[in-house]
Protein backbone atom coordinates (compact mmCIF):
# COMPACT_ATOMS: atom_id res chain seq x y z
CA MET A 1 0.00 0.00 0.00
CA PRO A 2 1.23 3.54 -0.46
CA ALA A 3 3.19 4.88 2.45
CA PRO A 4 1.32 7.41 4.57
CA GLU A 5 2.69 10.87 5.02
CA THR A 6 5.00 10.42 7.94
CA SER A 7 5.42 12.84 10.76
CA PRO A 8 8.99 13.67 11.67
CA ALA A 9 10.61 10.43 12.75
CA PRO A 10 12.63 10.29 15.93
CA GLU A 11 16.29 10.62 15.18
CA THR A 12 17.36 7.77 17.35
CA SER A 13 16.50 4.11 17.16
CA PRO A 14 14.38 2.87 20.06
CA THR A 15 16.71 2.28 22.95
CA PRO A 16 16.89 -1.17 24.52
CA GLU A 17 16.68 -1.63 28.25
CA THR A 18 18.21 1.22 30.17
CA SER A 19 21.47 0.62 31.97
CA PRO A 20 22.58 2.70 34.94
CA THR A 21 25.03 5.44 34.11
CA PRO A 22 28.53 4.27 35.01
CA GLU A 23 30.82 6.20 37.28
CA THR A 24 33.05 8.81 35.74
CA SER A 25 35.83 8.67 38.28
CA PRO A 26 39.42 8.33 37.05
CA THR A 27 40.17 5.02 35.36
CA PRO A 28 42.95 2.83 36.75
CA GLU A 29 45.85 2.17 34.46
CA ALA A 30 44.85 -0.44 31.88
CA ALA A 31 46.88 -3.55 31.25
CA PRO A 32 48.68 -3.77 27.88
CA ASN A 33 46.06 -4.30 25.20
CA PRO A 34 46.73 -6.82 22.41
CA ALA A 35 44.43 -4.93 20.04
CA ALA A 36 46.28 -1.65 20.21
CA SER A 37 49.31 -2.73 18.21
CA SER A 38 48.19 -5.97 16.60
CA SER A 39 48.06 -4.59 13.06
CA PRO A 40 49.54 -1.28 11.84
CA ALA A 41 47.39 -1.57 8.71
CA LEU A 42 44.24 -1.40 10.82
CA GLU A 43 45.40 1.82 12.42
CA VAL A 44 46.15 3.42 9.05
CA LEU A 45 42.82 2.45 7.48
CA SER A 46 40.59 2.69 10.53
CA VAL A 47 37.29 4.54 10.24
CA LEU A 48 36.22 3.76 13.80
CA GLU A 49 38.76 3.89 16.64
CA VAL A 50 37.98 2.79 20.19
CA ASP A 51 40.70 3.73 22.65
CA ASP A 52 41.04 2.38 26.19
CA ILE A 53 37.30 2.25 26.96
CA THR A 54 36.56 1.49 30.60
CA VAL A 55 33.17 1.08 32.27
CA ARG A 56 32.85 0.59 36.02
CA TYR A 57 29.91 0.42 38.39
CA GLY A 58 31.41 0.86 41.82
CA ALA A 59 34.07 -1.81 42.18
CA HIS A 60 32.61 -3.86 39.33
CA VAL A 61 34.52 -3.50 36.04
CA ILE A 62 32.32 -4.11 32.98
CA LEU A 63 34.94 -3.09 30.41
CA GLY A 64 38.58 -2.81 31.31
CA GLY A 65 40.55 -0.67 28.88
CA VAL A 66 39.22 -2.00 25.57
CA SER A 67 40.79 -0.71 22.34
CA LEU A 68 40.00 -1.71 18.78
CA ALA A 69 40.04 -0.34 15.24
CA VAL A 70 37.55 -0.92 12.44
CA PRO A 71 38.98 -0.26 8.96
CA ALA A 72 37.14 0.68 5.81
CA GLY A 73 36.39 -2.09 3.36
CA ARG A 74 36.48 -4.94 5.88
CA VAL A 75 34.25 -6.88 8.24
CA THR A 76 35.77 -6.87 11.72
CA GLY A 77 34.43 -9.32 14.29
CA LEU A 78 33.91 -8.87 18.02
CA ILE A 79 33.21 -12.18 19.73
CA GLY A 80 33.06 -13.55 23.24
CA PRO A 81 30.81 -15.39 25.68
CA ASN A 82 27.49 -13.99 26.85
CA GLY A 83 28.13 -11.25 29.40
CA ALA A 84 31.60 -10.45 28.05
CA GLY A 85 30.64 -6.80 27.47
CA LYS A 86 30.09 -6.76 23.70
CA THR A 87 26.71 -5.01 23.71
CA THR A 88 27.90 -2.62 26.41
CA LEU A 89 30.78 -1.66 24.12
CA PHE A 90 28.33 -1.14 21.23
CA ASN A 91 26.24 1.12 23.48
CA ILE A 92 29.35 3.12 24.36
CA ILE A 93 30.35 3.47 20.70
CA THR A 94 26.88 4.62 19.64
CA GLY A 95 26.39 7.02 22.55
CA LEU A 96 23.70 5.16 24.50
CA LEU A 97 26.08 4.86 27.45
CA ALA A 98 28.89 7.10 28.68
CA PRO A 99 32.18 5.36 29.53
CA THR A 100 34.06 5.82 32.76
CA GLY A 101 37.16 6.46 30.68
CA GLY A 102 38.52 6.26 27.15
CA SER A 103 37.43 7.71 23.82
CA VAL A 104 35.76 6.87 20.50
CA ARG A 105 36.62 8.44 17.15
CA LEU A 106 34.74 8.20 13.87
CA GLY A 107 36.57 9.36 10.78
CA GLY A 108 38.89 11.36 13.02
CA HIS A 109 36.00 13.05 14.87
CA GLN A 110 36.09 12.80 18.65
CA LEU A 111 32.63 11.54 19.68
CA THR A 112 32.79 12.27 23.40
CA GLY A 113 29.60 14.03 24.48
CA LEU A 114 27.72 13.43 21.21
CA ALA A 115 24.22 11.96 21.36
CA PRO A 116 23.30 8.86 19.31
CA HIS A 117 21.57 10.88 16.59
CA GLU A 118 24.59 13.17 16.28
CA ARG A 119 26.83 10.14 15.78
CA ALA A 120 24.39 8.83 13.18
CA ARG A 121 24.68 12.12 11.28
CA LEU A 122 28.44 11.59 11.17
CA GLY A 123 27.91 8.22 9.47
CA MET A 124 27.33 5.61 12.19
CA ALA A 125 24.50 3.07 11.99
CA ARG A 126 23.70 0.03 14.09
CA THR A 127 21.27 -2.82 14.61
CA PHE A 128 20.21 -4.32 17.93
CA GLN A 129 20.05 -7.79 19.47
CA GLN A 130 16.29 -7.36 19.80
CA LEU A 131 14.56 -6.28 16.60
CA GLU A 132 13.69 -2.58 16.68
CA LEU A 133 11.18 -2.21 13.85
CA PHE A 134 8.00 -0.19 13.45
CA GLY A 135 5.77 -3.26 13.45
CA GLN A 136 2.57 -1.61 12.22
CA LEU A 137 4.34 -0.08 9.22
CA THR A 138 5.23 -1.92 6.05
CA VAL A 139 8.74 -2.96 5.14
CA LEU A 140 8.90 -0.09 2.64
CA GLU A 141 7.67 2.43 5.20
CA ASN A 142 10.25 1.30 7.76
CA VAL A 143 13.08 1.96 5.32
CA LEU A 144 11.48 5.14 3.96
CA ILE A 145 11.45 6.67 7.44
CA ALA A 146 15.24 6.37 7.59
CA VAL A 147 15.65 7.74 4.06
CA ARG A 148 13.56 10.80 4.94
CA MET A 149 15.45 11.27 8.19
CA ARG A 150 18.73 11.39 6.29
CA GLU A 151 17.23 13.83 3.77
CA ARG A 152 16.21 16.13 6.63
CA TRP A 153 19.75 16.01 7.99
CA THR A 154 21.05 16.99 4.55
CA ARG A 155 18.60 19.91 4.22
CA SER A 156 19.45 21.03 7.74
CA ARG A 157 23.16 21.18 6.87
CA ARG A 158 22.39 23.16 3.73
CA ARG A 159 20.27 25.65 5.68
CA GLY A 160 23.30 26.24 7.85
CA GLY A 161 24.85 28.04 4.88
CA ARG A 162 23.59 31.06 2.97
CA HIS A 163 20.16 30.77 1.39
CA SER A 164 18.57 33.43 -0.81
CA GLY A 165 14.98 32.57 0.16
CA ARG A 166 13.83 33.41 -3.38
CA ASN A 167 12.31 30.05 -4.30
CA SER A 168 8.62 30.34 -5.10
CA ALA A 169 5.98 28.19 -3.45
CA ALA A 170 5.62 26.32 -6.73
CA ASP A 171 9.36 25.63 -6.82
CA ALA A 172 9.21 24.40 -3.24
CA GLY A 173 6.29 22.13 -4.07
CA ARG A 174 8.08 20.64 -7.05
CA SER A 175 11.17 20.11 -4.93
CA ALA A 176 9.18 18.34 -2.21
CA GLY A 177 7.44 16.17 -4.77
CA GLY A 178 10.74 15.19 -6.32
CA ARG A 179 12.18 14.32 -2.92
CA ALA A 180 9.19 12.13 -2.10
CA ALA A 181 9.49 10.17 -5.34
CA GLY A 182 13.25 9.90 -4.99
CA GLY A 183 12.97 8.75 -1.38
CA ARG A 184 10.55 5.97 -2.26
CA ALA A 185 12.78 4.84 -5.12
CA GLU A 186 15.81 4.73 -2.83
CA ALA A 187 13.92 2.79 -0.17
CA ALA A 188 12.72 0.32 -2.80
CA ALA A 189 16.28 -0.12 -4.07
CA LEU A 190 17.56 -0.87 -0.56
CA ILE A 191 14.79 -3.40 -0.04
CA ALA A 192 15.72 -5.04 -3.33
CA ARG A 193 19.37 -5.15 -2.28
CA VAL A 194 18.55 -7.20 0.81
CA GLY A 195 16.19 -9.43 -1.18
CA LEU A 196 12.85 -8.33 0.29
CA THR A 197 11.04 -6.85 -2.71
CA ALA A 198 8.40 -9.58 -2.52
CA VAL A 199 7.39 -8.48 1.00
CA ALA A 200 7.91 -4.71 0.61
CA ASP A 201 4.21 -4.02 1.27
CA GLU A 202 3.87 -6.46 4.17
CA ARG A 203 3.69 -5.22 7.74
CA ALA A 204 7.01 -5.58 9.51
CA ASP A 205 5.48 -7.43 12.44
CA SER A 206 4.14 -10.11 10.10
CA LEU A 207 7.63 -11.22 9.05
CA PRO A 208 9.69 -13.99 10.63
CA THR A 209 12.69 -12.86 12.64
CA GLY A 210 15.20 -13.72 9.93
CA LEU A 211 13.51 -11.41 7.42
CA GLY A 212 13.05 -8.75 10.08
CA ARG A 213 16.84 -8.70 10.47
CA LEU A 214 17.14 -7.83 6.79
CA VAL A 215 14.59 -5.01 7.14
CA GLU A 216 16.68 -3.62 9.99
CA LEU A 217 19.80 -3.84 7.83
CA ALA A 218 18.11 -2.03 4.92
CA ARG A 219 16.95 0.71 7.29
CA ALA A 220 20.46 1.11 8.71
CA LEU A 221 21.88 1.41 5.20
CA ALA A 222 19.36 4.15 4.39
CA ILE A 223 21.40 6.73 6.30
CA ARG A 224 24.40 5.89 4.06
CA PRO A 225 26.77 5.07 6.92
CA SER A 226 30.52 4.87 6.74
CA VAL A 227 30.56 2.42 9.65
CA LEU A 228 27.93 -0.22 10.40
CA LEU A 229 27.64 -1.95 13.78
CA LEU A 230 25.71 -5.23 13.74
CA ASP A 231 24.69 -6.86 17.03
CA GLU A 232 23.91 -10.56 16.45
CA PRO A 233 22.29 -9.95 13.04
CA ALA A 234 22.10 -13.65 12.13
CA SER A 235 19.97 -14.51 15.16
CA GLY A 236 16.74 -16.10 13.94
CA GLN A 237 17.99 -16.68 10.40
CA ASP A 238 17.95 -20.06 8.70
CA GLY A 239 20.92 -21.37 6.71
CA GLN A 240 19.80 -19.83 3.42
CA GLU A 241 19.15 -16.44 5.01
CA THR A 242 22.53 -16.50 6.74
CA ALA A 243 24.28 -17.30 3.46
CA ARG A 244 22.52 -14.36 1.80
CA PHE A 245 23.44 -12.17 4.75
CA ALA A 246 27.10 -13.17 4.47
CA ALA A 247 27.07 -12.25 0.79
CA LEU A 248 25.57 -8.85 1.64
CA LEU A 249 28.29 -8.16 4.20
CA ARG A 250 30.97 -8.97 1.65
CA GLU A 251 29.31 -6.65 -0.88
CA LEU A 252 29.10 -3.80 1.62
CA ALA A 253 32.75 -4.25 2.61
CA ALA A 254 33.75 -4.32 -1.07
CA ASP A 255 31.94 -0.97 -1.43
CA GLY A 256 34.26 0.46 1.24
CA MET A 257 32.07 0.27 4.32
CA ALA A 258 33.60 -0.40 7.74
CA ILE A 259 31.63 -3.13 9.53
CA LEU A 260 31.88 -4.25 13.16
CA LEU A 261 30.08 -7.55 13.70
CA VAL A 262 29.04 -9.10 17.02
CA GLU A 263 27.84 -12.62 16.33
CA HIS A 264 27.62 -16.05 17.96
CA ASP A 265 27.39 -17.92 14.65
CA MET A 266 31.06 -18.86 14.37
CA ASP A 267 30.70 -20.22 10.85
CA LEU A 268 29.48 -16.80 9.71
CA VAL A 269 32.16 -14.97 11.69
CA MET A 270 35.01 -17.08 10.35
CA ASP A 271 33.60 -16.78 6.83
CA VAL A 272 33.23 -13.00 6.52
CA CYS A 273 35.63 -11.42 9.03
CA GLU A 274 39.22 -10.51 8.20
CA HIS A 275 40.13 -9.52 11.76
CA LEU A 276 38.72 -10.58 15.11
CA TYR A 277 38.74 -9.28 18.66
CA VAL A 278 37.86 -11.67 21.47
CA LEU A 279 36.33 -10.12 24.58
CA ASP A 280 36.13 -12.04 27.86
CA PHE A 281 35.07 -10.67 31.24
CA GLY A 282 35.27 -7.13 29.85
CA GLU A 283 38.84 -7.39 28.59
CA LEU A 284 40.36 -8.16 25.22
CA MET A 285 41.83 -11.62 25.32
CA VAL A 286 43.11 -11.99 21.75
CA ALA A 287 43.14 -10.03 18.49
CA GLY A 288 44.14 -11.40 15.10
CA SER A 289 43.03 -13.16 11.95
CA PRO A 290 40.27 -15.79 12.17
CA ALA A 291 42.90 -18.54 11.86
CA GLN A 292 45.00 -17.03 14.67
CA VAL A 293 41.99 -16.62 16.93
CA ARG A 294 40.63 -20.08 16.25
CA SER A 295 43.95 -21.73 17.07
CA ASP A 296 44.59 -19.75 20.26
CA PRO A 297 44.28 -22.13 23.24
CA ARG A 298 42.79 -19.41 25.46
CA VAL A 299 39.96 -18.81 22.99
CA ARG A 300 39.38 -22.53 22.49
CA THR A 301 39.01 -22.97 26.23
CA ALA A 302 37.01 -19.85 27.05
CA TYR A 303 34.70 -19.57 24.07
CA LEU A 304 35.03 -21.91 21.11
CA GLY A 305 35.43 -24.96 23.32
CA ASP A 306 38.62 -26.96 23.67
CA THR A 307 38.29 -29.60 20.96
CA GLY A 308 41.67 -31.14 21.65
CA PRO A 309 44.94 -31.12 19.67
CA ASP A 310 43.75 -33.46 16.93
CA GLN A 311 40.69 -31.45 15.87
CA PRO A 312 40.47 -28.13 13.98
């Protein structure tokens, strides 16, 4: 059905359960971090830089001096057991939580103090563990909301410069009409890219979880991000959907996007990621290529499971 005229959409994705604000007292000196110097190439190419992030609640350390870099044109993985701090780190990166110490940079911009929507304007998009869709809207409308949000950001930046104010009402009407048509075409193209054209007019809450994940991905792509953070995006997908998702991630990386992937599907992680960080009890245990991580005895014991010396 045709998309209804939407009222201004909120500029932030619905926030998952609220966490208490961590203390902002001085951070104790962090132990040497294996991620900080594991690959000079990552530092040179990095779009997203996380430096010595610490989160403490009283005496309880949630994240202890975590550093990582996410380069353009690659899928970087962040793995670890449940409760390791992966989603907390995502919430720090996207501005939903403030760290006790450390910093985050996006494209060289210091993000300290910026709200989630301000980080999104700089080119950061994310998905959540729990689907965050507008269930009563169609697939097309869900993506169109994000397209129109980005268009408003663009117009807002332009209004920050000089504007003659001489456009007639007719010119303004034609411009608005053109934007509406262009926005729908862009949303339709994004839906086609993730393989959901056949359900574009279906309500989002009528879709199975695996397809809902693809709607969320299309909506994230609508803001044209330079860095994409994916929190367990393969959850609820069947084998065919996961294979399609892996192909999409490779395509996006080939287009130059920086992708940070949190995922428990190790087959997917080992397939698409070029570099991995392993988080355990809030600290980085290992950083390296998938082969290096998979063969590390600490990872095998703590996360992948110790399969013994005679098994891969």
